[in-house]
Amino acid sequence: MTSETKETVGIIGLGIMGTAYAKNLLESGFGVVGTDVAEEALATLAAQGGRRAGSAREVAEAADILLLALPSVKALEAVTKEIAGAVRYGAVVCEMGTLPIEAKEACRLALEGRGAHVLDCPVSGTGAQAARRDLSIYASGDEAAFRKVEAAFAGFARDVRYCGGFGTGMKLKYIANLLVTIHNLSTAEALLLADRAGLDLNLVYDAIRPGAGGSRMFDVRAPMMIENRYEPATMKMDIYIKDLQLIMDFAREMRSPTPLMAASLPFYFAALAEGRGKEDTASLFAVLKGMTEPRNSSGDKGE
């Protein structure tokens, strides 16, 4: 397929992830039309070469492939209602978020009643990974519909796989995020121990990364922790807290013990309590490091 004949992809939601999808799709030769509530995001899309739209409805009218990159159930409900009367017959709507399966199912029922196909397609990867196409997509739903969007997915993701019936993708995402949650904290814990031992943290990173103790989260988050660089966030702490609750709810429903996941939660909530909601989840390192700082007689941390 040449760059002149590639389809136009509509993106509703141009946050950290949606903006990365748009940039990489455009570089892959696809047309992109998108919308967002933030003017800055629309300006970025236009600067990248995409077409800005004034509403979700306008995006739905313009493309046969729609990516929904939305932050909450409330946003998904609002967008579903808005595009229900405008989505093209036979269009494939890909719900890309980390949201409850029942919320995605409600979207599917509403839009398939209008002749569209809806896929559950959560994405595994941070904003930094999205920027360099280092993402995994867990697509689930109608396989024929997936085949229609597979090439577009390959335009912004490294690993694209069809996983089965609708909702299977989100179940895989719960498992992936359980590991992300634990590995992020374990990276912070290991680096703090190394720091307390007087080791050069860059040496630690270079030595651990290729060995048995390495992980993808160590690769991505350790440099941020070493540099105490938590903004701009590749995954904001206050958004990720939502994911933690989804994982725990799923595990409870499955009656599956999650001892390491449960032990991780207090440290994420401590980050929120410290006002780190807009920082990257790598700021867990700062939370742990703060626990080692001396306190004065009044209980406050010393200068």
C-alpha atoms as a PDB file:
ATOM      1  CA  MET A   1       0.000   0.000   0.000  1.00  0.00           C
ATOM      2  CA  THR A   2       1.581   3.335  -1.019  1.00  0.00           C
ATOM      3  CA  SER A   3       1.507   6.478   1.094  1.00  0.00           C
ATOM      4  CA  GLU A   4      -1.025   7.998  -1.330  1.00  0.00           C
ATOM      5  CA  THR A   5      -3.515   5.181  -0.850  1.00  0.00           C
ATOM      6  CA  LYS A   6      -3.306   4.608   2.908  1.00  0.00           C
ATOM      7  CA  GLU A   7      -6.470   5.271   4.832  1.00  0.00           C
ATOM      8  CA  THR A   8      -7.349   8.157   7.070  1.00  0.00           C
ATOM      9  CA  VAL A   9      -7.431   7.264  10.744  1.00  0.00           C
ATOM     10  CA  GLY A  10      -9.567   9.236  13.166  1.00  0.00           C
ATOM     11  CA  ILE A  11      -8.284   9.783  16.713  1.00  0.00           C
ATOM     12  CA  ILE A  12     -10.550  10.970  19.491  1.00  0.00           C
ATOM     13  CA  GLY A  13      -8.377  11.982  22.431  1.00  0.00           C
ATOM     14  CA  LEU A  14      -4.963  13.553  21.793  1.00  0.00           C
ATOM     15  CA  GLY A  15      -3.293  13.154  25.152  1.00  0.00           C
ATOM     16  CA  ILE A  16       0.168  11.662  25.621  1.00  0.00           C
ATOM     17  CA  MET A  17      -0.774   8.444  23.821  1.00  0.00           C
ATOM     18  CA  GLY A  18      -3.137   9.818  21.179  1.00  0.00           C
ATOM     19  CA  THR A  19      -0.610  12.437  20.102  1.00  0.00           C
ATOM     20  CA  ALA A  20       2.050   9.726  19.710  1.00  0.00           C
ATOM     21  CA  TYR A  21      -0.352   7.577  17.677  1.00  0.00           C
ATOM     22  CA  ALA A  22      -1.038  10.524  15.377  1.00  0.00           C
ATOM     23  CA  LYS A  23       2.620  11.415  14.840  1.00  0.00           C
ATOM     24  CA  ASN A  24       3.648   7.868  14.004  1.00  0.00           C
ATOM     25  CA  LEU A  25       0.652   7.214  11.774  1.00  0.00           C
ATOM     26  CA  LEU A  26       1.408  10.365   9.800  1.00  0.00           C
ATOM     27  CA  GLU A  27       5.052   9.335   9.448  1.00  0.00           C
ATOM     28  CA  SER A  28       3.842   5.924   8.246  1.00  0.00           C
ATOM     29  CA  GLY A  29       1.846   7.525   5.455  1.00  0.00           C
ATOM     30  CA  PHE A  30      -1.649   7.471   6.923  1.00  0.00           C
ATOM     31  CA  GLY A  31      -3.916  10.468   6.997  1.00  0.00           C
ATOM     32  CA  VAL A  32      -5.018  11.533  10.485  1.00  0.00           C
ATOM     33  CA  VAL A  33      -7.981  13.569  11.637  1.00  0.00           C
ATOM     34  CA  GLY A  34      -8.305  14.124  15.359  1.00  0.00           C
ATOM     35  CA  THR A  35      -9.937  16.029  18.153  1.00  0.00           C
ATOM     36  CA  ASP A  36      -9.356  16.818  21.803  1.00  0.00           C
ATOM     37  CA  VAL A  37     -10.718  19.159  24.447  1.00  0.00           C
ATOM     38  CA  ALA A  38      -7.295  20.847  24.718  1.00  0.00           C
ATOM     39  CA  GLU A  39      -6.409  23.489  22.127  1.00  0.00           C
ATOM     40  CA  GLU A  40      -2.692  22.759  22.569  1.00  0.00           C
ATOM     41  CA  ALA A  41      -3.243  19.140  21.508  1.00  0.00           C
ATOM     42  CA  LEU A  42      -5.102  20.261  18.382  1.00  0.00           C
ATOM     43  CA  ALA A  43      -2.324  22.690  17.514  1.00  0.00           C
ATOM     44  CA  THR A  44       0.233  19.902  17.897  1.00  0.00           C
ATOM     45  CA  LEU A  45      -1.744  17.662  15.552  1.00  0.00           C
ATOM     46  CA  ALA A  46      -1.924  20.401  12.924  1.00  0.00           C
ATOM     47  CA  ALA A  47       1.822  21.041  13.259  1.00  0.00           C
ATOM     48  CA  GLN A  48       2.450  17.324  12.702  1.00  0.00           C
ATOM     49  CA  GLY A  49       0.490  17.451   9.448  1.00  0.00           C
ATOM     50  CA  GLY A  50      -2.830  16.056  10.669  1.00  0.00           C
ATOM     51  CA  ARG A  51      -6.277  17.603  10.336  1.00  0.00           C
ATOM     52  CA  ARG A  52      -7.869  19.018  13.444  1.00  0.00           C
ATOM     53  CA  ALA A  53     -11.578  18.495  13.979  1.00  0.00           C
ATOM     54  CA  GLY A  54     -13.909  20.477  16.174  1.00  0.00           C
ATOM     55  CA  SER A  55     -15.737  17.501  17.647  1.00  0.00           C
ATOM     56  CA  ALA A  56     -15.770  13.742  18.032  1.00  0.00           C
ATOM     57  CA  ARG A  57     -18.734  13.658  15.677  1.00  0.00           C
ATOM     58  CA  GLU A  58     -16.697  15.350  12.956  1.00  0.00           C
ATOM     59  CA  VAL A  59     -13.944  12.740  13.359  1.00  0.00           C
ATOM     60  CA  ALA A  60     -16.468   9.902  13.124  1.00  0.00           C
ATOM     61  CA  GLU A  61     -17.871  11.349   9.914  1.00  0.00           C
ATOM     62  CA  ALA A  62     -14.397  11.534   8.356  1.00  0.00           C
ATOM     63  CA  ALA A  63     -12.813   8.108   8.892  1.00  0.00           C
ATOM     64  CA  ASP A  64     -13.518   4.383   8.637  1.00  0.00           C
ATOM     65  CA  ILE A  65     -10.990   3.619  11.390  1.00  0.00           C
ATOM     66  CA  LEU A  66     -11.473   5.358  14.723  1.00  0.00           C
ATOM     67  CA  LEU A  67      -9.113   5.182  17.696  1.00  0.00           C
ATOM     68  CA  LEU A  68     -10.607   6.160  21.039  1.00  0.00           C
ATOM     69  CA  ALA A  69      -7.774   7.253  23.346  1.00  0.00           C
ATOM     70  CA  LEU A  70      -9.817   8.478  26.300  1.00  0.00           C
ATOM     71  CA  PRO A  71      -8.932   8.908  29.984  1.00  0.00           C
ATOM     72  CA  SER A  72     -12.087   7.740  31.740  1.00  0.00           C
ATOM     73  CA  VAL A  73     -15.396   5.896  31.604  1.00  0.00           C
ATOM     74  CA  LYS A  74     -17.200   9.234  31.694  1.00  0.00           C
ATOM     75  CA  ALA A  75     -15.292  10.419  28.614  1.00  0.00           C
ATOM     76  CA  LEU A  76     -16.003   7.150  26.785  1.00  0.00           C
ATOM     77  CA  GLU A  77     -19.709   7.410  27.542  1.00  0.00           C
ATOM     78  CA  ALA A  78     -19.838  10.993  26.285  1.00  0.00           C
ATOM     79  CA  VAL A  79     -17.949  10.214  23.069  1.00  0.00           C
ATOM     80  CA  THR A  80     -20.033   7.099  22.396  1.00  0.00           C
ATOM     81  CA  LYS A  81     -23.208   9.145  22.665  1.00  0.00           C
ATOM     82  CA  GLU A  82     -21.793  11.872  20.419  1.00  0.00           C
ATOM     83  CA  ILE A  83     -20.597   9.634  17.594  1.00  0.00           C
ATOM     84  CA  ALA A  84     -23.448   7.087  17.646  1.00  0.00           C
ATOM     85  CA  GLY A  85     -25.417   8.988  15.040  1.00  0.00           C
ATOM     86  CA  ALA A  86     -22.403   9.852  12.895  1.00  0.00           C
ATOM     87  CA  VAL A  87     -20.191   6.758  12.736  1.00  0.00           C
ATOM     88  CA  ARG A  88     -19.897   5.332   9.232  1.00  0.00           C
ATOM     89  CA  TYR A  89     -21.545   2.016   8.430  1.00  0.00           C
ATOM     90  CA  GLY A  90     -18.857  -0.681   8.555  1.00  0.00           C
ATOM     91  CA  ALA A  91     -16.361   1.551  10.364  1.00  0.00           C
ATOM     92  CA  VAL A  92     -14.067  -0.078  12.921  1.00  0.00           C
ATOM     93  CA  VAL A  93     -13.947   1.691  16.276  1.00  0.00           C
ATOM     94  CA  CYS A  94     -10.973   0.705  18.437  1.00  0.00           C
ATOM     95  CA  GLU A  95     -11.291   1.426  22.143  1.00  0.00           C
ATOM     96  CA  MET A  96      -7.639   1.797  23.189  1.00  0.00           C
ATOM     97  CA  GLY A  97      -7.947   2.713  26.857  1.00  0.00           C
ATOM     98  CA  THR A  98      -7.445   0.889  30.132  1.00  0.00           C
ATOM     99  CA  LEU A  99     -11.055   0.884  31.254  1.00  0.00           C
ATOM    100  CA  PRO A 100     -13.529  -1.601  32.739  1.00  0.00           C
ATOM    101  CA  ILE A 101     -14.640  -4.269  30.276  1.00  0.00           C
ATOM    102  CA  GLU A 102     -18.295  -3.463  30.970  1.00  0.00           C
ATOM    103  CA  ALA A 103     -17.733   0.165  29.890  1.00  0.00           C
ATOM    104  CA  LYS A 104     -16.221  -1.002  26.621  1.00  0.00           C
ATOM    105  CA  GLU A 105     -19.053  -3.474  26.183  1.00  0.00           C
ATOM    106  CA  ALA A 106     -21.584  -0.632  26.514  1.00  0.00           C
ATOM    107  CA  CYS A 107     -19.738   1.258  23.770  1.00  0.00           C
ATOM    108  CA  ARG A 108     -19.746  -1.846  21.585  1.00  0.00           C
ATOM    109  CA  LEU A 109     -23.481  -2.393  21.953  1.00  0.00           C
ATOM    110  CA  ALA A 110     -24.285   1.243  21.217  1.00  0.00           C
ATOM    111  CA  LEU A 111     -22.138   1.558  18.090  1.00  0.00           C
ATOM    112  CA  GLU A 112     -22.667  -1.893  16.615  1.00  0.00           C
ATOM    113  CA  GLY A 113     -26.350  -1.061  16.620  1.00  0.00           C
ATOM    114  CA  ARG A 114     -25.387   1.659  14.125  1.00  0.00           C
ATOM    115  CA  GLY A 115     -23.530  -0.746  11.835  1.00  0.00           C
ATOM    116  CA  ALA A 116     -19.995  -0.162  13.133  1.00  0.00           C
ATOM    117  CA  HIS A 117     -17.603  -2.761  14.555  1.00  0.00           C
ATOM    118  CA  VAL A 118     -16.045  -2.126  17.974  1.00  0.00           C
ATOM    119  CA  LEU A 119     -12.809  -3.718  19.143  1.00  0.00           C
ATOM    120  CA  ASP A 120     -11.293  -3.798  22.617  1.00  0.00           C
ATOM    121  CA  CYS A 121      -7.653  -2.797  21.978  1.00  0.00           C
ATOM    122  CA  PRO A 122      -5.765  -1.774  25.116  1.00  0.00           C
ATOM    123  CA  VAL A 123      -2.168  -0.718  24.677  1.00  0.00           C
ATOM    124  CA  SER A 124       0.804  -1.745  26.804  1.00  0.00           C
ATOM    125  CA  GLY A 125       3.572   0.843  26.993  1.00  0.00           C
ATOM    126  CA  THR A 126       4.406   4.276  28.348  1.00  0.00           C
ATOM    127  CA  GLY A 127       4.179   7.592  26.560  1.00  0.00           C
ATOM    128  CA  ALA A 128       7.926   7.468  25.920  1.00  0.00           C
ATOM    129  CA  GLN A 129       7.534   4.037  24.357  1.00  0.00           C
ATOM    130  CA  ALA A 130       4.578   5.282  22.297  1.00  0.00           C
ATOM    131  CA  ALA A 131       6.732   8.077  20.893  1.00  0.00           C
ATOM    132  CA  ARG A 132       9.167   5.541  19.434  1.00  0.00           C
ATOM    133  CA  ARG A 133       6.527   2.960  18.374  1.00  0.00           C
ATOM    134  CA  ASP A 134       7.559   0.587  21.151  1.00  0.00           C
ATOM    135  CA  LEU A 135       4.017  -0.483  22.046  1.00  0.00           C
ATOM    136  CA  SER A 136       2.071  -3.723  22.276  1.00  0.00           C
ATOM    137  CA  ILE A 137      -1.586  -3.794  21.237  1.00  0.00           C
ATOM    138  CA  TYR A 138      -3.887  -6.500  22.606  1.00  0.00           C
ATOM    139  CA  ALA A 139      -6.786  -6.486  20.146  1.00  0.00           C
ATOM    140  CA  SER A 140      -9.942  -8.470  20.857  1.00  0.00           C
ATOM    141  CA  GLY A 141     -13.352  -8.742  19.236  1.00  0.00           C
ATOM    142  CA  ASP A 142     -14.387  -9.612  15.699  1.00  0.00           C
ATOM    143  CA  GLU A 143     -11.320 -10.961  13.877  1.00  0.00           C
ATOM    144  CA  ALA A 144     -12.411  -9.752  10.442  1.00  0.00           C
ATOM    145  CA  ALA A 145     -12.727  -6.223  11.839  1.00  0.00           C
ATOM    146  CA  PHE A 146      -9.256  -6.532  13.371  1.00  0.00           C
ATOM    147  CA  ARG A 147      -7.777  -7.449   9.993  1.00  0.00           C
ATOM    148  CA  LYS A 148      -9.133  -4.170   8.601  1.00  0.00           C
ATOM    149  CA  VAL A 149      -7.164  -2.115  11.121  1.00  0.00           C
ATOM    150  CA  GLU A 150      -4.070  -4.297  11.527  1.00  0.00           C
ATOM    151  CA  ALA A 151      -1.984  -2.255   9.072  1.00  0.00           C
ATOM    152  CA  ALA A 152      -2.883   0.984  10.823  1.00  0.00           C
ATOM    153  CA  PHE A 153      -1.888  -0.504  14.188  1.00  0.00           C
ATOM    154  CA  ALA A 154       1.470  -1.475  12.703  1.00  0.00           C
ATOM    155  CA  GLY A 155       1.956   2.206  11.908  1.00  0.00           C
ATOM    156  CA  PHE A 156       2.361   3.093  15.580  1.00  0.00           C
ATOM    157  CA  ALA A 157       3.062  -0.155  17.486  1.00  0.00           C
ATOM    158  CA  ARG A 158       5.871  -2.717  17.612  1.00  0.00           C
ATOM    159  CA  ASP A 159       3.779  -5.752  18.583  1.00  0.00           C
ATOM    160  CA  VAL A 160       0.216  -6.117  17.295  1.00  0.00           C
ATOM    161  CA  ARG A 161      -1.708  -9.257  18.138  1.00  0.00           C
ATOM    162  CA  TYR A 162      -5.242 -10.565  17.880  1.00  0.00           C
ATOM    163  CA  CYS A 163      -6.166 -12.113  21.231  1.00  0.00           C
ATOM    164  CA  GLY A 164      -9.685 -13.514  20.809  1.00  0.00           C
ATOM    165  CA  GLY A 165     -13.168 -12.566  21.875  1.00  0.00           C
ATOM    166  CA  PHE A 166     -14.118  -9.071  23.006  1.00  0.00           C
ATOM    167  CA  GLY A 167     -12.662  -8.288  26.441  1.00  0.00           C
ATOM    168  CA  THR A 168      -9.693 -10.636  26.184  1.00  0.00           C
ATOM    169  CA  GLY A 169      -7.460  -7.673  25.430  1.00  0.00           C
ATOM    170  CA  MET A 170      -8.364  -5.935  28.677  1.00  0.00           C
ATOM    171  CA  LYS A 171      -7.750  -9.095  30.692  1.00  0.00           C
ATOM    172  CA  LEU A 172      -4.253  -9.265  29.210  1.00  0.00           C
ATOM    173  CA  LYS A 173      -3.760  -5.578  30.005  1.00  0.00           C
ATOM    174  CA  TYR A 174      -4.647  -6.201  33.652  1.00  0.00           C
ATOM    175  CA  ILE A 175      -1.923  -8.851  33.778  1.00  0.00           C
ATOM    176  CA  ALA A 176       0.592  -6.589  32.028  1.00  0.00           C
ATOM    177  CA  ASN A 177      -0.131  -3.675  34.343  1.00  0.00           C
ATOM    178  CA  LEU A 178       0.158  -5.865  37.420  1.00  0.00           C
ATOM    179  CA  LEU A 179       3.734  -6.582  36.324  1.00  0.00           C
ATOM    180  CA  VAL A 180       4.374  -2.926  35.437  1.00  0.00           C
ATOM    181  CA  THR A 181       3.193  -1.871  38.894  1.00  0.00           C
ATOM    182  CA  ILE A 182       5.527  -4.270  40.674  1.00  0.00           C
ATOM    183  CA  HIS A 183       8.513  -3.766  38.361  1.00  0.00           C
ATOM    184  CA  ASN A 184       8.284   0.018  38.643  1.00  0.00           C
ATOM    185  CA  LEU A 185       8.459  -0.187  42.430  1.00  0.00           C
ATOM    186  CA  SER A 186      11.175  -2.848  42.368  1.00  0.00           C
ATOM    187  CA  THR A 187      13.265  -0.577  40.135  1.00  0.00           C
ATOM    188  CA  ALA A 188      12.911   2.265  42.626  1.00  0.00           C
ATOM    189  CA  GLU A 189      13.734  -0.034  45.528  1.00  0.00           C
ATOM    190  CA  ALA A 190      16.846  -1.432  43.840  1.00  0.00           C
ATOM    191  CA  LEU A 191      18.172   1.972  42.814  1.00  0.00           C
ATOM    192  CA  LEU A 192      17.675   3.380  46.295  1.00  0.00           C
ATOM    193  CA  LEU A 193      19.606   0.472  47.799  1.00  0.00           C
ATOM    194  CA  ALA A 194      22.375   1.081  45.262  1.00  0.00           C
ATOM    195  CA  ASP A 195      22.378   4.793  46.097  1.00  0.00           C
ATOM    196  CA  ARG A 196      22.573   4.101  49.838  1.00  0.00           C
ATOM    197  CA  ALA A 197      25.501   1.753  49.140  1.00  0.00           C
ATOM    198  CA  GLY A 198      27.368   4.579  47.417  1.00  0.00           C
ATOM    199  CA  LEU A 199      27.274   3.051  43.951  1.00  0.00           C
ATOM    200  CA  ASP A 200      27.304   5.080  40.751  1.00  0.00           C
ATOM    201  CA  LEU A 201      23.701   4.731  39.604  1.00  0.00           C
ATOM    202  CA  ASN A 202      24.631   4.990  35.936  1.00  0.00           C
ATOM    203  CA  LEU A 203      27.005   2.075  36.444  1.00  0.00           C
ATOM    204  CA  VAL A 204      24.180   0.172  38.148  1.00  0.00           C
ATOM    205  CA  TYR A 205      21.873   0.845  35.215  1.00  0.00           C
ATOM    206  CA  ASP A 206      24.415  -0.276  32.625  1.00  0.00           C
ATOM    207  CA  ALA A 207      25.314  -3.401  34.604  1.00  0.00           C
ATOM    208  CA  ILE A 208      21.820  -4.546  35.550  1.00  0.00           C
ATOM    209  CA  ARG A 209      20.028  -3.792  32.298  1.00  0.00           C
ATOM    210  CA  PRO A 210      21.401  -6.708  30.202  1.00  0.00           C
ATOM    211  CA  GLY A 211      21.408  -9.213  33.054  1.00  0.00           C
ATOM    212  CA  ALA A 212      18.837 -11.432  34.735  1.00  0.00           C
ATOM    213  CA  GLY A 213      17.665  -8.578  36.966  1.00  0.00           C
ATOM    214  CA  GLY A 214      16.664  -6.321  34.087  1.00  0.00           C
ATOM    215  CA  SER A 215      13.105  -5.613  32.929  1.00  0.00           C
ATOM    216  CA  ARG A 216      11.365  -3.338  30.447  1.00  0.00           C
ATOM    217  CA  MET A 217      10.320  -1.048  33.303  1.00  0.00           C
ATOM    218  CA  PHE A 218      13.919  -0.946  34.514  1.00  0.00           C
ATOM    219  CA  ASP A 219      14.935   0.090  30.984  1.00  0.00           C
ATOM    220  CA  VAL A 220      12.316   2.840  30.791  1.00  0.00           C
ATOM    221  CA  ARG A 221      12.093   4.183  34.324  1.00  0.00           C
ATOM    222  CA  ALA A 222      15.564   3.766  35.826  1.00  0.00           C
ATOM    223  CA  PRO A 223      17.058   6.673  33.811  1.00  0.00           C
ATOM    224  CA  MET A 224      14.240   8.949  34.976  1.00  0.00           C
ATOM    225  CA  MET A 225      14.813   7.920  38.578  1.00  0.00           C
ATOM    226  CA  ILE A 226      18.578   8.418  38.331  1.00  0.00           C
ATOM    227  CA  GLU A 227      18.044  11.935  36.966  1.00  0.00           C
ATOM    228  CA  ASN A 228      15.133  12.731  39.341  1.00  0.00           C
ATOM    229  CA  ARG A 229      13.237  13.657  36.176  1.00  0.00           C
ATOM    230  CA  TYR A 230       9.510  13.077  36.571  1.00  0.00           C
ATOM    231  CA  GLU A 231       8.034  15.689  34.231  1.00  0.00           C
ATOM    232  CA  PRO A 232       6.831  15.712  31.562  1.00  0.00           C
ATOM    233  CA  ALA A 233       5.230  12.428  32.585  1.00  0.00           C
ATOM    234  CA  THR A 234       5.062   9.422  30.285  1.00  0.00           C
ATOM    235  CA  MET A 235       2.359   8.079  32.628  1.00  0.00           C
ATOM    236  CA  LYS A 236       0.895  10.434  35.205  1.00  0.00           C
ATOM    237  CA  MET A 237       0.568   9.056  38.703  1.00  0.00           C
ATOM    238  CA  ASP A 238      -3.039  10.214  39.157  1.00  0.00           C
ATOM    239  CA  ILE A 239      -4.103   8.462  35.937  1.00  0.00           C
ATOM    240  CA  TYR A 240      -2.265   5.267  36.790  1.00  0.00           C
ATOM    241  CA  ILE A 241      -4.049   5.024  40.153  1.00  0.00           C
ATOM    242  CA  LYS A 242      -7.196   4.227  38.142  1.00  0.00           C
ATOM    243  CA  ASP A 243      -5.407   1.257  36.604  1.00  0.00           C
ATOM    244  CA  LEU A 244      -4.409  -0.064  40.023  1.00  0.00           C
ATOM    245  CA  GLN A 245      -8.032  -0.232  41.107  1.00  0.00           C
ATOM    246  CA  LEU A 246      -9.025  -2.063  37.918  1.00  0.00           C
ATOM    247  CA  ILE A 247      -6.343  -4.691  38.484  1.00  0.00           C
ATOM    248  CA  MET A 248      -7.386  -5.264  42.081  1.00  0.00           C
ATOM    249  CA  ASP A 249     -11.066  -5.475  41.128  1.00  0.00           C
ATOM    250  CA  PHE A 250     -10.245  -8.041  38.431  1.00  0.00           C
ATOM    251  CA  ALA A 251      -8.090 -10.116  40.781  1.00  0.00           C
ATOM    252  CA  ARG A 252     -10.836 -10.047  43.402  1.00  0.00           C
ATOM    253  CA  GLU A 253     -13.377 -11.204  40.817  1.00  0.00           C
ATOM    254  CA  MET A 254     -11.040 -14.054  39.819  1.00  0.00           C
ATOM    255  CA  ARG A 255     -10.373 -14.861  43.497  1.00  0.00           C
ATOM    256  CA  SER A 256      -6.668 -14.787  42.719  1.00  0.00           C
ATOM    257  CA  PRO A 257      -4.174 -13.678  45.395  1.00  0.00           C
ATOM    258  CA  THR A 258      -1.950 -10.712  44.456  1.00  0.00           C
ATOM    259  CA  PRO A 259       0.396 -10.234  47.441  1.00  0.00           C
ATOM    260  CA  LEU A 260       3.085  -8.216  45.631  1.00  0.00           C
ATOM    261  CA  MET A 261       0.515  -6.018  43.922  1.00  0.00           C
ATOM    262  CA  ALA A 262      -1.190  -5.347  47.258  1.00  0.00           C
ATOM    263  CA  ALA A 263       2.138  -4.521  48.901  1.00  0.00           C
ATOM    264  CA  SER A 264       2.882  -1.991  46.138  1.00  0.00           C
ATOM    265  CA  LEU A 265      -0.276   0.078  46.523  1.00  0.00           C
ATOM    266  CA  PRO A 266       0.668   2.143  49.609  1.00  0.00           C
ATOM    267  CA  PHE A 267       3.681   3.604  47.834  1.00  0.00           C
ATOM    268  CA  TYR A 268       1.624   4.792  44.852  1.00  0.00           C
ATOM    269  CA  PHE A 269      -0.913   6.384  47.173  1.00  0.00           C
ATOM    270  CA  ALA A 270       1.929   7.978  49.137  1.00  0.00           C
ATOM    271  CA  ALA A 271       3.049   9.638  45.910  1.00  0.00           C
ATOM    272  CA  LEU A 272      -0.408  11.167  45.529  1.00  0.00           C
ATOM    273  CA  ALA A 273      -0.335  12.317  49.152  1.00  0.00           C
ATOM    274  CA  GLU A 274       2.956  14.085  48.417  1.00  0.00           C
ATOM    275  CA  GLY A 275       1.348  16.001  45.547  1.00  0.00           C
ATOM    276  CA  ARG A 276       2.966  13.951  42.790  1.00  0.00           C
ATOM    277  CA  GLY A 277      -0.246  13.259  40.851  1.00  0.00           C
ATOM    278  CA  LYS A 278       0.978  14.939  37.657  1.00  0.00           C
ATOM    279  CA  GLU A 279       4.439  13.417  37.863  1.00  0.00           C
ATOM    280  CA  ASP A 280       5.548  10.229  36.147  1.00  0.00           C
ATOM    281  CA  THR A 281       5.107   7.017  38.107  1.00  0.00           C
ATOM    282  CA  ALA A 282       8.920   6.885  38.221  1.00  0.00           C
ATOM    283  CA  SER A 283       8.542   9.353  41.105  1.00  0.00           C
ATOM    284  CA  LEU A 284       8.131   6.308  43.358  1.00  0.00           C
ATOM    285  CA  PHE A 285      11.907   6.615  43.674  1.00  0.00           C
ATOM    286  CA  ALA A 286      11.496  10.047  45.285  1.00  0.00           C
ATOM    287  CA  VAL A 287       8.854   8.628  47.621  1.00  0.00           C
ATOM    288  CA  LEU A 288      11.167   5.860  48.808  1.00  0.00           C
ATOM    289  CA  LYS A 289      14.143   8.189  49.054  1.00  0.00           C
ATOM    290  CA  GLY A 290      12.095  10.545  51.204  1.00  0.00           C
ATOM    291  CA  MET A 291      11.599   7.703  53.678  1.00  0.00           C
ATOM    292  CA  THR A 292      15.371   7.676  54.307  1.00  0.00           C
ATOM    293  CA  GLU A 293      15.715  11.395  55.018  1.00  0.00           C
ATOM    294  CA  PRO A 294      16.344  12.365  58.643  1.00  0.00           C
ATOM    295  CA  ARG A 295      13.604  14.120  60.575  1.00  0.00           C
ATOM    296  CA  ASN A 296      14.050  16.816  63.188  1.00  0.00           C
ATOM    297  CA  SER A 297      12.593  16.654  66.673  1.00  0.00           C
ATOM    298  CA  SER A 298       9.242  18.059  65.491  1.00  0.00           C
ATOM    299  CA  GLY A 299       8.864  15.212  63.030  1.00  0.00           C
ATOM    300  CA  ASP A 300       9.583  17.321  59.960  1.00  0.00           C
ATOM    301  CA  LYS A 301      12.256  16.335  57.462  1.00  0.00           C
ATOM    302  CA  GLY A 302      15.518  18.089  58.076  1.00  0.00           C
ATOM    303  CA  GLU A 303      16.961  20.556  55.596  1.00  0.00           C
END
